N, C-alpha and C. Protein backbone atom coordinates (compact mmCIF):
# COMPACT_ATOMS: atom_id res chain seq x y z
N MET A 1 -45.06 22.37 52.71
CA MET A 1 -45.23 23.07 51.44
C MET A 1 -44.46 24.39 51.51
N ALA A 2 -43.45 24.54 50.67
CA ALA A 2 -42.68 25.78 50.61
C ALA A 2 -43.41 26.78 49.74
N SER A 3 -43.41 28.02 50.16
CA SER A 3 -44.01 29.07 49.36
C SER A 3 -43.05 30.24 49.29
N ILE A 4 -43.35 31.23 48.46
CA ILE A 4 -42.49 32.40 48.34
C ILE A 4 -42.43 33.10 49.70
N PRO A 5 -41.22 33.34 50.22
CA PRO A 5 -41.12 34.05 51.50
C PRO A 5 -41.75 35.44 51.40
N ARG A 6 -42.48 35.84 52.45
CA ARG A 6 -43.18 37.13 52.45
C ARG A 6 -42.24 38.31 52.21
N ARG A 7 -40.98 38.17 52.62
CA ARG A 7 -40.05 39.29 52.44
C ARG A 7 -39.77 39.58 50.97
N PHE A 8 -40.07 38.62 50.07
CA PHE A 8 -39.89 38.84 48.64
C PHE A 8 -41.14 39.44 47.98
N LEU A 9 -42.25 39.42 48.69
CA LEU A 9 -43.50 39.98 48.14
C LEU A 9 -43.54 41.46 48.49
N ILE A 10 -42.76 42.24 47.74
CA ILE A 10 -42.51 43.64 48.08
C ILE A 10 -43.48 44.62 47.43
N HIS A 11 -44.36 44.13 46.57
CA HIS A 11 -45.31 45.00 45.88
C HIS A 11 -46.74 44.67 46.31
N THR A 12 -47.63 45.60 46.02
CA THR A 12 -49.06 45.37 46.21
C THR A 12 -49.76 45.81 44.93
N VAL A 13 -50.61 44.94 44.40
CA VAL A 13 -51.43 45.29 43.24
C VAL A 13 -52.89 45.25 43.66
N THR A 14 -53.73 45.92 42.90
CA THR A 14 -55.16 45.90 43.14
C THR A 14 -55.80 45.07 42.03
N VAL A 15 -56.57 44.06 42.42
CA VAL A 15 -57.21 43.16 41.46
C VAL A 15 -58.72 43.34 41.54
N GLU A 16 -59.35 43.48 40.38
CA GLU A 16 -60.81 43.55 40.28
C GLU A 16 -61.23 42.42 39.33
N ASP A 17 -61.87 41.39 39.88
CA ASP A 17 -62.25 40.22 39.08
C ASP A 17 -63.24 40.58 37.98
N TYR A 18 -62.99 40.07 36.79
CA TYR A 18 -63.89 40.26 35.65
C TYR A 18 -65.15 39.42 35.89
N LEU A 19 -66.32 40.05 35.82
CA LEU A 19 -67.59 39.36 36.07
C LEU A 19 -68.40 39.15 34.81
N GLY A 20 -67.99 39.76 33.72
CA GLY A 20 -68.73 39.59 32.47
C GLY A 20 -68.98 40.92 31.78
N GLN A 21 -69.65 40.84 30.66
CA GLN A 21 -69.93 42.00 29.83
C GLN A 21 -71.38 42.44 30.03
N THR A 22 -71.59 43.74 30.10
CA THR A 22 -72.94 44.29 30.19
C THR A 22 -73.16 45.19 28.98
N SER A 23 -74.33 45.74 28.86
CA SER A 23 -74.61 46.66 27.74
C SER A 23 -73.77 47.93 27.84
N LYS A 24 -73.23 48.22 29.03
CA LYS A 24 -72.42 49.42 29.23
C LYS A 24 -70.93 49.11 29.26
N GLY A 25 -70.55 47.87 29.01
CA GLY A 25 -69.13 47.51 29.00
C GLY A 25 -68.82 46.42 30.02
N PRO A 26 -67.53 46.19 30.28
CA PRO A 26 -67.15 45.13 31.22
C PRO A 26 -67.59 45.45 32.65
N ARG A 27 -67.89 44.39 33.40
CA ARG A 27 -68.31 44.53 34.80
C ARG A 27 -67.25 43.85 35.66
N TYR A 28 -66.84 44.52 36.73
CA TYR A 28 -65.79 44.01 37.61
C TYR A 28 -66.30 43.90 39.04
N GLY A 29 -65.71 42.98 39.79
CA GLY A 29 -66.03 42.81 41.20
C GLY A 29 -65.31 43.86 42.04
N PRO A 30 -65.51 43.79 43.35
CA PRO A 30 -64.86 44.77 44.24
C PRO A 30 -63.34 44.62 44.19
N ALA A 31 -62.65 45.72 44.37
CA ALA A 31 -61.19 45.73 44.36
C ALA A 31 -60.66 45.02 45.61
N ARG A 32 -59.57 44.26 45.41
CA ARG A 32 -58.89 43.62 46.54
C ARG A 32 -57.39 43.79 46.34
N GLU A 33 -56.69 43.96 47.44
CA GLU A 33 -55.24 44.13 47.36
C GLU A 33 -54.56 42.77 47.47
N VAL A 34 -53.51 42.60 46.66
CA VAL A 34 -52.74 41.35 46.65
C VAL A 34 -51.28 41.70 46.87
N ARG A 35 -50.70 41.14 47.91
CA ARG A 35 -49.27 41.31 48.16
C ARG A 35 -48.54 40.37 47.22
N CYS A 36 -47.50 40.88 46.53
CA CYS A 36 -46.90 40.10 45.46
C CYS A 36 -45.51 40.61 45.11
N LEU A 37 -44.94 40.00 44.08
CA LEU A 37 -43.72 40.47 43.43
C LEU A 37 -44.10 40.69 41.97
N VAL A 38 -43.84 41.88 41.44
CA VAL A 38 -44.17 42.20 40.06
C VAL A 38 -42.90 42.15 39.23
N ASP A 39 -42.94 41.37 38.15
CA ASP A 39 -41.82 41.28 37.20
C ASP A 39 -42.30 41.86 35.88
N GLU A 40 -41.86 43.09 35.57
CA GLU A 40 -42.28 43.75 34.33
C GLU A 40 -41.31 43.39 33.23
N GLN A 41 -41.53 42.20 32.68
CA GLN A 41 -40.68 41.64 31.64
C GLN A 41 -41.59 41.08 30.56
N THR A 42 -41.28 41.36 29.32
CA THR A 42 -42.11 40.91 28.21
C THR A 42 -41.80 39.45 27.89
N ARG A 43 -42.86 38.65 27.72
CA ARG A 43 -42.69 37.24 27.34
C ARG A 43 -43.93 36.77 26.60
N ALA A 44 -43.76 35.72 25.82
CA ALA A 44 -44.89 35.13 25.09
C ALA A 44 -45.58 34.11 25.98
N VAL A 45 -46.91 34.14 26.03
CA VAL A 45 -47.70 33.18 26.80
C VAL A 45 -48.88 32.71 25.95
N ARG A 46 -49.46 31.60 26.33
CA ARG A 46 -50.65 31.08 25.64
C ARG A 46 -51.89 31.37 26.47
N THR A 47 -52.94 31.83 25.82
CA THR A 47 -54.21 32.08 26.48
C THR A 47 -54.91 30.74 26.72
N PRO A 48 -55.97 30.72 27.54
CA PRO A 48 -56.73 29.48 27.72
C PRO A 48 -57.29 28.95 26.39
N ALA A 49 -57.47 29.83 25.40
CA ALA A 49 -57.99 29.41 24.09
C ALA A 49 -56.88 28.89 23.17
N GLY A 50 -55.62 28.97 23.63
CA GLY A 50 -54.51 28.44 22.85
C GLY A 50 -53.80 29.46 21.98
N GLU A 51 -54.21 30.73 22.03
CA GLU A 51 -53.55 31.76 21.25
C GLU A 51 -52.24 32.17 21.93
N GLN A 52 -51.23 32.49 21.14
CA GLN A 52 -50.00 33.02 21.70
C GLN A 52 -50.08 34.54 21.70
N VAL A 53 -49.90 35.14 22.88
CA VAL A 53 -49.97 36.59 23.04
C VAL A 53 -48.76 37.06 23.84
N THR A 54 -48.57 38.37 23.90
CA THR A 54 -47.45 38.95 24.63
C THR A 54 -47.91 39.41 26.00
N SER A 55 -47.19 38.97 27.02
CA SER A 55 -47.43 39.40 28.39
C SER A 55 -46.37 40.44 28.74
N THR A 56 -46.79 41.59 29.29
CA THR A 56 -45.85 42.64 29.65
C THR A 56 -45.41 42.56 31.10
N SER A 57 -46.16 41.83 31.93
CA SER A 57 -45.83 41.72 33.35
C SER A 57 -46.32 40.40 33.90
N THR A 58 -45.62 39.92 34.92
CA THR A 58 -46.05 38.74 35.67
C THR A 58 -46.11 39.11 37.14
N VAL A 59 -47.21 38.76 37.78
CA VAL A 59 -47.39 38.99 39.21
C VAL A 59 -47.25 37.64 39.91
N TYR A 60 -46.33 37.55 40.88
CA TYR A 60 -46.13 36.33 41.66
C TYR A 60 -46.70 36.57 43.05
N ALA A 61 -47.67 35.76 43.45
CA ALA A 61 -48.31 35.89 44.77
C ALA A 61 -48.20 34.57 45.51
N GLY A 62 -48.60 34.57 46.76
CA GLY A 62 -48.54 33.37 47.57
C GLY A 62 -49.44 32.27 47.04
N PRO A 63 -49.21 31.02 47.45
CA PRO A 63 -49.96 29.89 46.91
C PRO A 63 -51.44 29.90 47.27
N GLY A 64 -51.82 30.56 48.34
CA GLY A 64 -53.22 30.58 48.73
C GLY A 64 -54.00 31.72 48.12
N GLU A 65 -53.35 32.53 47.29
CA GLU A 65 -54.01 33.70 46.73
C GLU A 65 -55.12 33.29 45.77
N GLN A 66 -56.25 33.94 45.89
CA GLN A 66 -57.39 33.68 45.01
C GLN A 66 -56.99 34.02 43.58
N SER A 67 -57.30 33.13 42.66
CA SER A 67 -56.97 33.41 41.27
C SER A 67 -57.91 34.47 40.71
N ALA A 68 -57.55 35.02 39.57
CA ALA A 68 -58.37 36.04 38.92
C ALA A 68 -58.70 35.54 37.52
N PRO A 69 -59.97 35.60 37.12
CA PRO A 69 -60.33 35.13 35.79
C PRO A 69 -59.70 35.99 34.70
N PRO A 70 -59.50 35.43 33.51
CA PRO A 70 -59.00 36.24 32.40
C PRO A 70 -59.86 37.50 32.23
N LEU A 71 -59.23 38.57 31.83
CA LEU A 71 -59.82 39.90 31.61
C LEU A 71 -60.04 40.69 32.90
N SER A 72 -59.66 40.12 34.06
CA SER A 72 -59.75 40.87 35.31
C SER A 72 -58.81 42.08 35.22
N ARG A 73 -59.17 43.15 35.91
CA ARG A 73 -58.39 44.38 35.87
C ARG A 73 -57.39 44.39 37.03
N VAL A 74 -56.13 44.72 36.73
CA VAL A 74 -55.08 44.77 37.73
C VAL A 74 -54.39 46.13 37.65
N THR A 75 -54.31 46.82 38.78
CA THR A 75 -53.58 48.08 38.85
C THR A 75 -52.23 47.80 39.50
N LEU A 76 -51.17 48.07 38.75
CA LEU A 76 -49.80 47.81 39.19
C LEU A 76 -49.31 48.95 40.09
N PRO A 77 -48.21 48.72 40.84
CA PRO A 77 -47.69 49.77 41.72
C PRO A 77 -47.36 51.07 40.98
N SER A 78 -47.02 50.98 39.70
CA SER A 78 -46.70 52.17 38.90
C SER A 78 -47.95 52.97 38.55
N GLY A 79 -49.14 52.40 38.79
CA GLY A 79 -50.39 53.05 38.43
C GLY A 79 -50.94 52.56 37.10
N ARG A 80 -50.14 51.81 36.36
CA ARG A 80 -50.59 51.27 35.07
C ARG A 80 -51.67 50.22 35.32
N VAL A 81 -52.73 50.28 34.51
CA VAL A 81 -53.83 49.33 34.62
C VAL A 81 -53.68 48.32 33.48
N SER A 82 -53.76 47.05 33.83
CA SER A 82 -53.61 45.98 32.85
C SER A 82 -54.72 44.97 33.06
N ARG A 83 -54.78 43.97 32.18
CA ARG A 83 -55.78 42.91 32.32
C ARG A 83 -55.08 41.55 32.39
N VAL A 84 -55.71 40.62 33.08
CA VAL A 84 -55.17 39.27 33.24
C VAL A 84 -55.36 38.50 31.94
N ILE A 85 -54.28 37.86 31.48
CA ILE A 85 -54.35 36.93 30.35
C ILE A 85 -54.63 35.54 30.89
N LEU A 86 -53.91 35.17 31.95
CA LEU A 86 -53.95 33.81 32.46
C LEU A 86 -53.50 33.81 33.91
N THR A 87 -54.12 32.98 34.74
CA THR A 87 -53.70 32.77 36.12
C THR A 87 -53.33 31.31 36.28
N LYS A 88 -52.18 31.05 36.91
CA LYS A 88 -51.73 29.67 37.12
C LYS A 88 -51.34 29.48 38.57
N ALA A 89 -51.77 28.38 39.16
CA ALA A 89 -51.30 27.98 40.48
C ALA A 89 -50.11 27.04 40.25
N ARG A 90 -48.96 27.42 40.76
CA ARG A 90 -47.74 26.62 40.56
C ARG A 90 -47.45 25.80 41.80
N ASP A 91 -47.41 24.49 41.63
CA ASP A 91 -47.06 23.56 42.70
C ASP A 91 -45.74 22.92 42.32
N ALA A 92 -44.73 23.12 43.15
CA ALA A 92 -43.39 22.63 42.84
C ALA A 92 -43.30 21.12 42.88
N GLY A 93 -44.27 20.45 43.47
CA GLY A 93 -44.23 18.99 43.51
C GLY A 93 -43.05 18.43 44.27
N GLY A 94 -42.60 19.16 45.29
CA GLY A 94 -41.50 18.68 46.12
C GLY A 94 -40.13 18.92 45.52
N LEU A 95 -40.02 19.75 44.50
CA LEU A 95 -38.74 19.98 43.83
C LEU A 95 -37.88 21.06 44.51
N GLY A 96 -38.36 21.64 45.58
CA GLY A 96 -37.57 22.64 46.28
C GLY A 96 -37.79 24.07 45.81
N THR A 97 -38.63 24.27 44.80
CA THR A 97 -38.97 25.63 44.39
C THR A 97 -40.28 26.02 45.06
N PRO A 98 -40.49 27.30 45.31
CA PRO A 98 -41.68 27.70 46.07
C PRO A 98 -42.99 27.57 45.28
N ASN A 99 -44.02 27.15 45.98
CA ASN A 99 -45.37 27.14 45.41
C ASN A 99 -45.85 28.59 45.37
N HIS A 100 -46.62 28.93 44.33
CA HIS A 100 -47.09 30.29 44.21
C HIS A 100 -48.22 30.37 43.17
N THR A 101 -48.81 31.55 43.06
CA THR A 101 -49.83 31.83 42.05
C THR A 101 -49.27 32.89 41.13
N GLU A 102 -49.39 32.67 39.81
CA GLU A 102 -48.91 33.62 38.81
C GLU A 102 -50.08 34.25 38.07
N PHE A 103 -49.99 35.55 37.87
CA PHE A 103 -50.94 36.28 37.03
C PHE A 103 -50.15 36.80 35.84
N GLN A 104 -50.43 36.34 34.64
CA GLN A 104 -49.80 36.88 33.43
C GLN A 104 -50.68 38.04 32.95
N LEU A 105 -50.08 39.22 32.74
CA LEU A 105 -50.84 40.41 32.39
C LEU A 105 -50.53 40.89 30.98
N GLU A 106 -51.52 41.57 30.37
CA GLU A 106 -51.31 42.17 29.05
C GLU A 106 -50.28 43.27 29.13
């Protein structure tokens, strides 16, 4: 199984999994660091509900990286805080492209 070479994972983001809503606002899990490649490029993506929204950044991490539920909080290397729109595990299916996990961010 080919995966993204570690030498390309030049960034680190902080991910806090969304745990739900409380009377005081959103609740998040403990922060964890994810080694990744951040691509700050705007693109249209579909949410799990089927809505088309704009993603301002994509985080590419290794294939074994724990996914993050939608609305999880992500702090980018620039210090900007964003939320997860969608997480996808990409399996190349033997096509020669690396397996990886993608986080599409607001």
